[in-house]
Amino acid sequence: MGLIVWILIGALAGWITSKIVGTDDDQGWLMNIVLGIAGALVGGFVWGLVTDGEFDMGFNIGSLLIAILGGLIISYLARFLRGGTHGGNTAHQ
């Protein structure tokens, strides 16, 4: 049951992240889940570096916010590496 809950948390965090960065139309529910789970890993890692401690990874609003923060880091890093301004789709006129 715990795995299902974390997949749902990942989906929610990924969806919120994609809404913030404006990529929700470009990615589906599976990418939202992947982004949310990857965001939780990155966010937890960054949190550990900043606070010199571990984060309580229980189901709470803090873990959701950490996952969203990690998702934002991943999204903006991907955007920077692609050189685009929105999902890699840049129009040249």
N, C-alpha and C. Protein backbone atom coordinates (compact mmCIF):
# COMPACT_ATOMS: atom_id res chain seq x y z
N MET A 1 0.82 -1.20 0.00
CA MET A 1 0.00 0.00 0.00
C MET A 1 0.86 1.26 0.00
N GLY A 2 2.01 1.22 0.67
CA GLY A 2 2.88 2.39 0.74
C GLY A 2 3.39 2.83 -0.62
N LEU A 3 3.71 1.85 -1.48
CA LEU A 3 4.21 2.18 -2.81
C LEU A 3 3.15 2.91 -3.62
N ILE A 4 1.92 2.48 -3.52
CA ILE A 4 0.82 3.13 -4.25
C ILE A 4 0.65 4.57 -3.78
N VAL A 5 0.75 4.77 -2.47
CA VAL A 5 0.62 6.12 -1.92
C VAL A 5 1.74 7.01 -2.44
N TRP A 6 2.98 6.48 -2.50
CA TRP A 6 4.09 7.30 -2.97
C TRP A 6 4.00 7.57 -4.46
N ILE A 7 3.43 6.65 -5.22
CA ILE A 7 3.21 6.92 -6.65
C ILE A 7 2.19 8.05 -6.80
N LEU A 8 1.14 8.02 -5.97
CA LEU A 8 0.14 9.08 -6.02
C LEU A 8 0.74 10.42 -5.59
N ILE A 9 1.60 10.41 -4.57
CA ILE A 9 2.28 11.64 -4.15
C ILE A 9 3.18 12.14 -5.28
N GLY A 10 3.89 11.21 -5.93
CA GLY A 10 4.74 11.59 -7.06
C GLY A 10 3.94 12.20 -8.19
N ALA A 11 2.77 11.60 -8.47
CA ALA A 11 1.91 12.14 -9.52
C ALA A 11 1.44 13.54 -9.16
N LEU A 12 1.03 13.74 -7.92
CA LEU A 12 0.56 15.05 -7.49
C LEU A 12 1.69 16.08 -7.54
N ALA A 13 2.86 15.72 -7.02
CA ALA A 13 4.00 16.65 -7.03
C ALA A 13 4.42 16.96 -8.46
N GLY A 14 4.45 15.95 -9.33
CA GLY A 14 4.82 16.18 -10.73
C GLY A 14 3.81 17.05 -11.45
N TRP A 15 2.53 16.82 -11.17
CA TRP A 15 1.48 17.62 -11.80
C TRP A 15 1.58 19.08 -11.37
N ILE A 16 1.76 19.30 -10.06
CA ILE A 16 1.89 20.68 -9.56
C ILE A 16 3.12 21.35 -10.17
N THR A 17 4.22 20.61 -10.23
CA THR A 17 5.44 21.15 -10.82
C THR A 17 5.22 21.51 -12.28
N SER A 18 4.57 20.61 -13.04
CA SER A 18 4.35 20.88 -14.46
C SER A 18 3.41 22.06 -14.67
N LYS A 19 2.49 22.29 -13.75
CA LYS A 19 1.62 23.47 -13.83
C LYS A 19 2.43 24.75 -13.57
N ILE A 20 3.36 24.68 -12.62
CA ILE A 20 4.17 25.86 -12.28
C ILE A 20 5.06 26.25 -13.45
N VAL A 21 5.72 25.25 -14.08
CA VAL A 21 6.66 25.57 -15.15
C VAL A 21 6.00 25.60 -16.52
N GLY A 22 4.73 25.26 -16.60
CA GLY A 22 3.99 25.37 -17.86
C GLY A 22 4.22 24.24 -18.83
N THR A 23 4.53 23.04 -18.34
CA THR A 23 4.76 21.91 -19.24
C THR A 23 3.67 20.85 -19.15
N ASP A 24 2.58 21.14 -18.48
CA ASP A 24 1.53 20.14 -18.28
C ASP A 24 0.94 19.67 -19.60
N ASP A 25 0.83 20.55 -20.59
CA ASP A 25 0.27 20.16 -21.89
C ASP A 25 1.25 19.29 -22.68
N ASP A 26 2.53 19.37 -22.36
CA ASP A 26 3.56 18.65 -23.10
C ASP A 26 3.82 17.25 -22.56
N GLN A 27 3.39 16.97 -21.34
CA GLN A 27 3.68 15.67 -20.73
C GLN A 27 2.41 15.07 -20.16
N GLY A 28 2.37 13.78 -20.14
CA GLY A 28 1.19 13.08 -19.64
C GLY A 28 1.33 12.69 -18.18
N TRP A 29 0.40 11.89 -17.73
CA TRP A 29 0.37 11.48 -16.32
C TRP A 29 1.59 10.66 -15.94
N LEU A 30 2.11 9.84 -16.86
CA LEU A 30 3.27 9.02 -16.54
C LEU A 30 4.50 9.90 -16.31
N MET A 31 4.68 10.91 -17.14
CA MET A 31 5.82 11.82 -16.93
C MET A 31 5.64 12.64 -15.66
N ASN A 32 4.41 12.95 -15.29
CA ASN A 32 4.17 13.65 -14.03
C ASN A 32 4.61 12.78 -12.85
N ILE A 33 4.30 11.49 -12.91
CA ILE A 33 4.71 10.58 -11.84
C ILE A 33 6.23 10.49 -11.78
N VAL A 34 6.86 10.32 -12.94
CA VAL A 34 8.32 10.22 -12.99
C VAL A 34 8.95 11.51 -12.46
N LEU A 35 8.44 12.65 -12.90
CA LEU A 35 8.96 13.94 -12.44
C LEU A 35 8.79 14.09 -10.93
N GLY A 36 7.64 13.68 -10.41
CA GLY A 36 7.40 13.80 -8.97
C GLY A 36 8.32 12.91 -8.15
N ILE A 37 8.52 11.67 -8.60
CA ILE A 37 9.40 10.75 -7.87
C ILE A 37 10.85 11.22 -7.96
N ALA A 38 11.28 11.59 -9.17
CA ALA A 38 12.64 12.11 -9.33
C ALA A 38 12.81 13.41 -8.54
N GLY A 39 11.77 14.22 -8.54
CA GLY A 39 11.81 15.46 -7.77
C GLY A 39 11.96 15.21 -6.28
N ALA A 40 11.29 14.17 -5.78
CA ALA A 40 11.41 13.82 -4.36
C ALA A 40 12.85 13.41 -4.04
N LEU A 41 13.47 12.66 -4.93
CA LEU A 41 14.86 12.24 -4.71
C LEU A 41 15.81 13.44 -4.74
N VAL A 42 15.66 14.29 -5.75
CA VAL A 42 16.52 15.47 -5.86
C VAL A 42 16.26 16.44 -4.72
N GLY A 43 14.99 16.68 -4.43
CA GLY A 43 14.64 17.59 -3.33
C GLY A 43 15.16 17.10 -1.99
N GLY A 44 15.05 15.79 -1.74
CA GLY A 44 15.58 15.23 -0.50
C GLY A 44 17.09 15.36 -0.40
N PHE A 45 17.77 15.16 -1.54
CA PHE A 45 19.22 15.31 -1.58
C PHE A 45 19.63 16.76 -1.29
N VAL A 46 18.97 17.70 -1.96
CA VAL A 46 19.28 19.12 -1.75
C VAL A 46 18.97 19.53 -0.32
N TRP A 47 17.85 19.05 0.20
CA TRP A 47 17.47 19.35 1.59
C TRP A 47 18.56 18.86 2.55
N GLY A 48 19.08 17.67 2.29
CA GLY A 48 20.14 17.13 3.13
C GLY A 48 21.42 17.96 3.05
N LEU A 49 21.73 18.47 1.87
CA LEU A 49 22.92 19.32 1.73
C LEU A 49 22.75 20.65 2.46
N VAL A 50 21.57 21.22 2.34
CA VAL A 50 21.33 22.55 2.92
C VAL A 50 21.22 22.48 4.44
N THR A 51 20.54 21.47 4.95
CA THR A 51 20.27 21.41 6.39
C THR A 51 21.23 20.50 7.14
N ASP A 52 22.08 19.78 6.42
CA ASP A 52 23.01 18.83 7.05
C ASP A 52 22.27 17.76 7.84
N GLY A 53 21.10 17.43 7.40
CA GLY A 53 20.31 16.43 8.09
C GLY A 53 19.38 15.71 7.15
N GLU A 54 18.64 14.78 7.69
CA GLU A 54 17.69 14.03 6.89
C GLU A 54 16.30 14.63 7.03
N PHE A 55 15.51 14.40 6.02
CA PHE A 55 14.13 14.87 6.01
C PHE A 55 13.22 13.70 6.34
N ASP A 56 12.21 13.93 7.14
CA ASP A 56 11.22 12.90 7.45
C ASP A 56 10.40 12.63 6.20
N MET A 57 10.61 11.48 5.58
CA MET A 57 9.97 11.17 4.31
C MET A 57 8.58 10.58 4.49
N GLY A 58 7.95 10.82 5.60
CA GLY A 58 6.57 10.38 5.78
C GLY A 58 5.65 11.18 4.88
N PHE A 59 4.42 10.73 4.80
CA PHE A 59 3.42 11.43 3.98
C PHE A 59 2.93 12.66 4.71
N ASN A 60 3.43 13.82 4.29
CA ASN A 60 3.03 15.08 4.89
C ASN A 60 3.23 16.20 3.88
N ILE A 61 2.79 17.38 4.21
CA ILE A 61 2.88 18.51 3.29
C ILE A 61 4.34 18.88 3.02
N GLY A 62 5.20 18.67 4.01
CA GLY A 62 6.62 18.97 3.82
C GLY A 62 7.26 18.10 2.76
N SER A 63 6.93 16.81 2.76
CA SER A 63 7.52 15.92 1.75
C SER A 63 6.98 16.25 0.36
N LEU A 64 5.72 16.69 0.28
CA LEU A 64 5.16 17.11 -1.00
C LEU A 64 5.88 18.36 -1.50
N LEU A 65 6.12 19.31 -0.62
CA LEU A 65 6.83 20.54 -1.00
C LEU A 65 8.26 20.26 -1.43
N ILE A 66 8.93 19.33 -0.73
CA ILE A 66 10.30 18.96 -1.11
C ILE A 66 10.30 18.31 -2.49
N ALA A 67 9.31 17.45 -2.77
CA ALA A 67 9.20 16.82 -4.09
C ALA A 67 8.95 17.86 -5.18
N ILE A 68 8.11 18.84 -4.89
CA ILE A 68 7.85 19.91 -5.86
C ILE A 68 9.12 20.73 -6.09
N LEU A 69 9.83 21.06 -5.03
CA LEU A 69 11.09 21.80 -5.16
C LEU A 69 12.08 21.02 -6.03
N GLY A 70 12.21 19.73 -5.79
CA GLY A 70 13.09 18.91 -6.61
C GLY A 70 12.64 18.85 -8.05
N GLY A 71 11.33 18.77 -8.26
CA GLY A 71 10.79 18.76 -9.62
C GLY A 71 11.07 20.07 -10.34
N LEU A 72 11.00 21.18 -9.62
CA LEU A 72 11.32 22.48 -10.22
C LEU A 72 12.79 22.53 -10.61
N ILE A 73 13.66 22.01 -9.75
CA ILE A 73 15.09 21.99 -10.06
C ILE A 73 15.32 21.18 -11.34
N ILE A 74 14.72 20.00 -11.42
CA ILE A 74 14.88 19.15 -12.60
C ILE A 74 14.34 19.84 -13.85
N SER A 75 13.16 20.43 -13.74
CA SER A 75 12.53 21.07 -14.90
C SER A 75 13.35 22.24 -15.41
N TYR A 76 13.81 23.09 -14.51
CA TYR A 76 14.58 24.26 -14.94
C TYR A 76 15.96 23.85 -15.44
N LEU A 77 16.55 22.81 -14.85
CA LEU A 77 17.83 22.32 -15.34
C LEU A 77 17.67 21.74 -16.75
N ALA A 78 16.61 20.98 -16.97
CA ALA A 78 16.35 20.42 -18.30
C ALA A 78 16.11 21.52 -19.31
N ARG A 79 15.36 22.54 -18.93
CA ARG A 79 15.10 23.67 -19.82
C ARG A 79 16.39 24.40 -20.17
N PHE A 80 17.25 24.59 -19.17
CA PHE A 80 18.53 25.25 -19.39
C PHE A 80 19.41 24.44 -20.34
N LEU A 81 19.47 23.13 -20.12
CA LEU A 81 20.31 22.28 -20.96
C LEU A 81 19.81 22.20 -22.39
N ARG A 82 18.49 22.27 -22.58
CA ARG A 82 17.93 22.28 -23.93
C ARG A 82 18.06 23.63 -24.59
N GLY A 83 18.25 24.67 -23.80
CA GLY A 83 18.38 26.01 -24.34
C GLY A 83 17.06 26.63 -24.73
N GLY A 84 15.96 26.02 -24.35
CA GLY A 84 14.64 26.52 -24.71
C GLY A 84 14.05 27.37 -23.62
N THR A 85 12.92 27.96 -23.94
CA THR A 85 12.22 28.76 -22.96
C THR A 85 10.95 28.08 -22.46
N HIS A 86 10.41 27.15 -23.24
CA HIS A 86 9.19 26.45 -22.82
C HIS A 86 9.20 25.04 -23.41
N GLY A 87 9.56 24.09 -22.58
CA GLY A 87 9.50 22.70 -23.01
C GLY A 87 10.37 22.36 -24.20
N GLY A 88 11.36 23.16 -24.48
CA GLY A 88 12.25 22.90 -25.61
C GLY A 88 11.69 23.32 -26.94
N ASN A 89 10.46 23.84 -26.99
CA ASN A 89 9.86 24.26 -28.24
C ASN A 89 10.07 25.75 -28.42
N THR A 90 11.13 26.11 -29.13
CA THR A 90 11.38 27.52 -29.36
C THR A 90 11.07 27.84 -30.81
N ALA A 91 10.34 28.88 -31.01
CA ALA A 91 9.98 29.30 -32.38
C ALA A 91 10.97 30.35 -32.84
N HIS A 92 11.51 30.13 -34.02
CA HIS A 92 12.44 31.11 -34.59
C HIS A 92 11.75 31.81 -35.75
N GLN A 93 11.61 33.10 -35.65
CA GLN A 93 10.91 33.84 -36.70
C GLN A 93 11.84 34.80 -37.37
